[in-house]
Protein backbone atom coordinates (compact mmCIF):
# COMPACT_ATOMS: atom_id res chain seq x y z
CA MET A 1 84.18 -15.24 22.68
CA LEU A 2 81.16 -14.39 20.32
CA LYS A 3 81.52 -11.64 17.95
CA VAL A 4 78.72 -9.20 17.60
CA ASN A 5 77.17 -10.78 14.04
CA ASP A 6 77.31 -14.00 15.56
CA ALA A 7 75.66 -12.86 18.94
CA LYS A 8 72.85 -11.11 16.71
CA GLU A 9 72.47 -14.10 14.42
CA MET A 10 72.05 -16.44 17.60
CA VAL A 11 69.48 -14.09 19.26
CA LEU A 12 67.33 -13.64 16.20
CA GLU A 13 67.02 -17.43 15.45
CA ILE A 14 65.42 -17.41 19.11
CA VAL A 15 63.28 -14.50 19.23
CA GLN A 16 62.35 -13.49 15.50
CA ASP A 17 58.97 -14.81 15.73
CA ASP A 18 58.66 -13.53 19.13
CA PRO A 19 55.55 -10.68 19.94
CA LEU A 20 57.72 -8.48 22.12
CA PHE A 21 60.60 -8.54 19.38
CA VAL A 22 57.94 -7.12 17.14
CA ALA A 23 57.57 -4.02 19.74
CA LEU A 24 61.31 -3.73 20.16
CA GLN A 25 62.20 -4.32 16.20
CA HIS A 26 63.40 -0.71 14.51
CA THR A 27 63.46 1.00 17.76
CA PRO A 28 66.83 2.16 19.55
CA LEU A 29 66.23 -1.06 22.18
CA GLU A 30 66.83 -3.41 19.52
CA GLU A 31 70.53 -3.26 19.67
CA ASN A 32 70.49 -3.84 23.48
CA LEU A 33 69.47 -7.67 22.51
CA TYR A 34 72.82 -8.16 20.61
CA ASN A 35 75.41 -6.13 22.43
CA ASP A 36 74.56 -7.17 25.82
CA GLY A 37 77.80 -8.09 27.82
CA TYR A 38 76.53 -11.72 28.82
CA LEU A 39 76.23 -13.12 25.32
CA ALA A 40 79.88 -13.18 24.99
CA GLU A 41 80.26 -16.00 27.48
CA ILE A 42 77.20 -17.53 27.98
CA ASP A 43 76.62 -21.23 26.93
CA GLU A 44 73.55 -22.25 25.11
CA SER A 45 73.19 -25.35 26.89
CA LYS A 46 73.53 -24.12 30.16
CA HIS A 47 70.98 -22.85 32.89
CA TYR A 48 71.63 -20.08 35.12
CA THR A 49 70.41 -18.79 38.28
CA ILE A 50 68.50 -15.62 39.49
CA ALA A 51 71.41 -14.05 40.97
CA GLU A 52 73.70 -14.72 37.84
CA VAL A 53 71.01 -13.09 35.41
CA ALA A 54 70.56 -10.19 37.82
CA GLY A 55 74.29 -9.49 37.72
CA TRP A 56 74.11 -9.31 34.10
CA PHE A 57 71.23 -7.00 33.59
CA ASP A 58 72.38 -5.05 36.51
CA ILE A 59 69.13 -5.09 38.81
CA THR A 60 68.65 -7.00 41.92
CA ASP A 61 67.15 -10.36 42.55
CA ALA A 62 64.02 -9.08 43.82
CA MET A 63 63.61 -6.98 40.79
CA LEU A 64 64.11 -9.44 38.44
CA ARG A 65 61.67 -11.93 40.46
CA TYR A 66 58.91 -9.05 40.36
CA TYR A 67 59.07 -9.16 36.59
CA LEU A 68 59.52 -12.97 36.06
CA LYS A 69 56.23 -13.57 38.25
CA PRO A 70 53.68 -12.32 35.98
CA PHE A 71 55.03 -13.89 32.91
CA GLU A 72 56.27 -17.16 34.09
CA GLN A 73 54.36 -19.14 31.38
CA TYR A 74 55.88 -17.13 28.62
CA ILE A 75 59.26 -16.90 29.84
CA PHE A 76 59.42 -20.68 30.40
CA ASP A 77 57.43 -21.57 27.22
CA ASN A 78 54.28 -23.04 29.01
CA ALA A 79 56.53 -25.30 31.07
CA SER A 80 56.59 -25.40 34.73
CA PRO A 81 59.68 -23.62 36.15
CA ASN A 82 61.72 -24.88 39.10
CA THR A 83 60.88 -24.44 42.84
CA ASN A 84 60.66 -20.28 43.46
CA SER A 85 63.91 -20.77 45.34
CA ASN A 86 65.73 -22.60 42.68
CA ILE A 87 64.73 -21.15 39.52
CA ARG A 88 67.19 -21.50 36.68
CA LEU A 89 66.84 -19.81 33.18
CA ASN A 90 68.66 -21.26 29.80
CA LEU A 91 69.17 -18.73 26.98
CA PRO A 92 65.77 -18.64 25.64
CA ALA A 93 64.49 -17.70 29.09
CA ILE A 94 67.00 -15.05 29.79
CA LEU A 95 66.16 -13.48 26.15
CA ARG A 96 62.71 -13.39 26.94
CA LEU A 97 62.88 -11.92 30.26
CA ARG A 98 65.66 -9.39 28.94
CA MET A 99 62.82 -8.15 26.61
CA ILE A 100 60.19 -7.52 29.21
CA LEU A 101 63.12 -5.52 31.30
CA LEU A 102 63.81 -3.52 28.08
CA LEU A 103 59.89 -2.59 27.49
CA LYS A 104 58.77 -2.17 30.65
CA ASP A 105 59.27 1.69 31.06
CA GLU A 106 57.09 2.06 28.04
CA TYR A 107 54.58 -0.65 28.54
CA ARG A 108 54.31 -1.31 31.99
CA VAL A 109 53.17 -4.61 33.30
CA ARG A 110 49.56 -4.47 31.63
CA GLY A 111 50.59 -3.45 28.11
CA ILE A 112 53.53 -6.03 27.95
CA LYS A 113 50.47 -8.76 29.22
CA LEU A 114 48.47 -7.31 26.18
CA LEU A 115 50.94 -7.89 23.87
CA LEU A 116 51.62 -11.42 25.15
CA GLY A 117 48.00 -12.25 25.09
CA ILE A 118 47.83 -12.84 28.88
CA ASP A 119 44.54 -13.39 30.61
CA ASP A 120 43.27 -11.81 33.85
CA ASN A 121 44.40 -15.11 35.37
CA GLY A 122 47.90 -15.05 34.24
CA GLN A 123 47.01 -17.59 31.42
CA LEU A 124 49.08 -17.38 28.41
CA LEU A 125 47.13 -17.93 24.86
CA LYS A 126 49.73 -20.09 22.78
CA HIS A 127 48.92 -18.99 19.65
CA GLN A 128 49.85 -15.33 20.48
CA ILE A 129 53.33 -16.50 20.80
CA THR A 130 53.51 -16.57 16.96
CA ALA A 131 51.05 -13.39 16.00
CA THR A 132 53.86 -12.28 13.76
CA THR A 133 53.54 -14.96 11.48
CA MET A 134 49.81 -13.98 10.36
CA ASP A 135 49.08 -13.87 6.89
CA SER A 136 50.75 -10.48 5.51
CA GLU A 137 48.35 -9.74 3.01
CA ASP A 138 45.62 -10.00 5.16
CA LEU A 139 47.23 -7.55 7.67
CA SER A 140 48.01 -5.07 4.59
CA HIS A 141 44.45 -5.33 3.78
CA LYS A 142 43.18 -4.38 7.45
CA ILE A 143 45.71 -1.54 7.41
CA ASP A 144 44.43 0.09 4.41
CA LEU A 145 40.77 -0.44 5.27
CA LEU A 146 41.88 1.26 8.67
CA GLY A 147 44.11 3.98 6.63
CA ASN A 148 41.07 5.06 4.36
CA VAL A 149 38.82 5.71 7.44
CA LEU A 150 41.63 7.60 9.57
CA GLN A 151 42.70 9.58 6.50
CA GLN A 152 39.34 11.33 6.39
CA MET A 153 38.71 11.68 9.83
CA ILE A 154 42.20 12.88 10.98
CA GLN A 155 42.41 15.57 7.59
CA THR A 156 39.69 17.35 9.42
CA GLY A 157 41.69 17.93 12.78
CA LEU A 158 38.42 16.92 14.69
CA PHE A 159 39.80 13.68 15.92
CA GLN A 160 42.78 12.84 18.14
CA ILE A 161 44.54 9.43 18.62
CA LEU A 162 45.58 9.23 22.25
CA PRO A 163 47.24 6.13 24.45
CA ASN A 164 44.81 4.72 27.17
CA GLU A 165 47.27 3.84 29.79
CA GLU A 166 44.44 2.48 32.02
CA GLN A 167 43.24 0.18 29.43
CA GLY A 168 46.45 -0.50 27.33
CA THR A 169 44.53 0.33 24.05
CA LEU A 170 44.54 3.47 21.80
CA GLN A 171 41.33 5.94 22.24
CA VAL A 172 39.99 8.04 19.61
CA ASN A 173 38.72 11.38 20.96
CA ILE A 174 37.05 14.42 19.56
CA ASN A 175 39.13 17.16 19.59
CA GLN A 176 36.57 19.82 21.07
CA ASP A 177 38.73 22.91 21.04
CA PHE A 178 39.85 22.51 17.50
CA LEU A 179 36.12 22.26 17.08
CA ASP A 180 35.21 25.23 18.86
CA LYS A 181 37.59 27.18 17.10
CA ASN A 182 36.73 26.38 13.92
CA ILE A 183 33.25 26.69 14.04
CA GLN A 184 33.65 30.38 15.53
CA ARG A 185 36.06 31.46 12.75
CA LEU A 186 33.79 29.83 9.90
CA SER A 187 30.57 31.32 11.31
CA THR A 188 31.55 34.86 10.22
CA ASP A 189 31.76 33.93 6.53
CA SER A 190 28.78 31.84 6.16
CA VAL A 191 25.89 30.36 8.49
CA LEU A 192 25.52 27.75 5.81
CA GLN A 193 29.42 26.50 6.03
CA VAL A 194 29.08 26.08 9.67
CA GLU A 195 25.84 23.87 9.04
CA GLU A 196 27.82 21.94 6.58
CA ILE A 197 30.24 21.48 9.27
CA GLN A 198 28.20 20.28 11.51
CA LYS A 199 26.89 17.58 9.30
CA GLU A 200 30.00 16.32 8.40
CA THR A 201 30.93 16.12 12.07
CA LEU A 202 27.74 13.98 12.95
CA GLU A 203 28.92 11.73 9.93
CA LEU A 204 32.37 11.76 11.23
CA LYS A 205 31.44 11.18 14.97
CA GLN A 206 29.46 7.63 13.29
CA GLU A 207 32.97 6.76 11.63
CA ASN A 208 34.49 7.44 14.79
CA GLU A 209 32.58 5.21 16.83
CA HIS A 210 33.21 2.40 13.83
CA LEU A 211 37.04 2.96 13.82
CA GLN A 212 37.39 2.54 17.53
CA ASN A 213 35.45 -0.89 17.52
CA GLN A 214 38.01 -1.90 14.71
CA ILE A 215 41.05 -0.82 16.67
CA THR A 216 39.99 -2.48 19.91
CA GLU A 217 39.38 -5.47 17.43
CA LEU A 218 43.17 -5.42 16.33
CA GLN A 219 44.95 -4.55 19.87
CA GLU A 220 43.15 -7.49 21.55
CA ASN A 221 45.11 -9.63 18.85
CA SER A 222 48.22 -7.73 19.78
CA VAL A 223 48.97 -7.19 16.46
CA LYS A 224 51.55 -4.74 17.68
CA ASP A 225 52.83 -4.04 14.00
CA ILE A 226 49.44 -3.00 12.50
CA VAL A 227 49.36 -0.13 15.46
CA GLN A 228 52.85 1.21 14.99
CA LYS A 229 52.11 1.64 11.13
CA ILE A 230 48.85 3.23 11.93
CA ARG A 231 50.55 5.37 14.30
CA GLU A 232 52.82 6.52 11.20
CA ARG A 233 49.74 7.09 9.09
CA HIS A 234 48.27 9.14 11.62
CA ILE A 235 51.65 11.48 11.68
CA GLU A 236 51.40 11.68 7.82
CA ASN A 237 47.45 12.76 7.93
CA GLU A 238 48.08 15.03 10.38
CA ILE A 239 50.85 16.63 8.34
CA VAL A 240 48.44 16.58 5.17
CA SER A 241 45.41 18.00 7.31
CA THR A 242 47.61 20.84 8.39
CA LEU A 243 48.92 21.77 4.91
CA ARG A 244 45.48 21.32 3.46
CA THR A 245 44.11 24.05 6.11
CA GLU A 246 47.09 26.45 5.34
CA ALA A 247 46.33 25.85 1.61
CA LEU A 248 42.84 26.73 2.00
CA GLN A 249 43.70 29.92 4.12
CA GLN A 250 46.14 31.03 1.43
CA TYR A 251 43.62 30.47 -1.46
CA SER A 252 41.12 32.48 0.84
CA GLN A 253 43.57 35.17 1.16
CA GLN A 254 44.69 35.41 -2.30
CA ASN A 255 41.26 35.07 -3.86
CA LYS A 256 38.58 37.58 -2.82
CA ILE A 257 35.19 35.90 -4.20
CA GLY A 258 32.16 37.80 -4.70
CA PHE A 259 28.82 36.42 -4.00
CA PHE A 260 27.57 36.20 -7.50
CA THR A 261 31.01 34.67 -8.98
CA LYS A 262 30.57 32.12 -6.14
CA PHE A 263 26.73 31.64 -7.22
CA PHE A 264 27.47 31.14 -11.07
CA LYS A 265 30.69 29.53 -11.32
CA SER A 266 30.79 27.25 -7.97
CA ALA A 267 32.03 24.38 -9.84
CA GLN A 268 34.89 26.22 -11.26
CA ILE A 269 35.89 27.90 -8.12
CA GLU A 270 35.94 24.19 -6.13
CA MET A 271 37.92 22.71 -8.75
CA ASP A 272 40.57 25.81 -8.93
CA LYS A 273 40.32 25.82 -4.94
CA GLU A 274 41.29 21.85 -4.87
CA GLN A 275 43.95 22.06 -7.46
CA TYR A 276 45.61 24.69 -5.44
CA VAL A 277 45.43 22.63 -2.22
CA LEU A 278 46.80 19.60 -3.88
CA SER A 279 49.59 21.41 -5.66
CA TYR A 280 50.27 23.03 -2.03
CA ILE A 281 50.42 19.71 -0.16
CA SER A 282 52.59 17.86 -2.91
CA LYS A 283 55.31 20.77 -2.79
CA HIS A 284 55.35 20.67 1.20
CA LEU A 285 54.29 16.90 2.26
CA GLU A 286 57.55 15.22 1.70
CA GLU A 287 59.67 18.00 3.97
CA ARG A 288 57.16 18.21 6.71
CA LEU A 289 56.56 14.32 6.68
CA GLU A 290 60.79 13.46 7.20
CA ILE A 291 60.82 16.00 9.93
CA ALA A 292 57.93 14.81 11.92
CA LEU A 293 58.55 11.10 11.62
CA ASN A 294 62.54 11.84 12.89
CA ASP A 295 60.93 13.66 15.82
CA TYR A 296 58.67 10.47 16.68
CA TYR A 297 61.59 8.02 16.59
CA ASP A 298 64.00 10.05 18.32
CA LYS A 299 61.55 10.28 21.42
């Protein structure tokens, strides 16, 4: 019988460069790959029937065939499977099928196809299977570029990044409710401030279009790790935005500044305000971020 560490080493040797493994990595689902009971008895040199594999995964033969059919080229590594009535799977094929079953609830068939680079005709682009071997420096550079744009956008609270299940992509949308509420609140303070916000909103909409194009391009390449890091950065930037809003509200309440003071000392006021905001964010960011990330990964 294989020990847990032996099973994990055997599985990792097969799946470490697989794009579906990238999606499973660092999630609670990853441990299922190493702890399945069949790993203790499987013979790497043998092939197994649909009925045997379905029994290991506690599903019906029909359900297993349902998830096998759209991904045959991926599961069998571009080799033609046996006839439909006599399909037999070796260990690599079983592991690929197992990853599909683990991800099916979150990604559905459409999302898994997107991760694998399978086109509308069911054809698998071979280079997609080694997507995780892309140059890490190139990926990091793209992440930093996107992160800088995201930071500027999300700090305003004007944008939301939501999954589009129909297209299997992320969609960047204007948070219209947030925009309306803040314009209404600020309008009581100064018409000039409202005009400035409207100008910035127009610029941010243009940045939004550019960002959407970049996100779409990256997702078409099935670079799942980039999407994951963007989500984490989105959480961080959202917290920074919230803390900045809190700090500005507190500063405004604690420092009632008259018109003439604003006019003659505006530069110093802005410096003091920004210093107050930075201090407030520095004080609370780590604690808020730890709570938010724990909540995100526990879902």
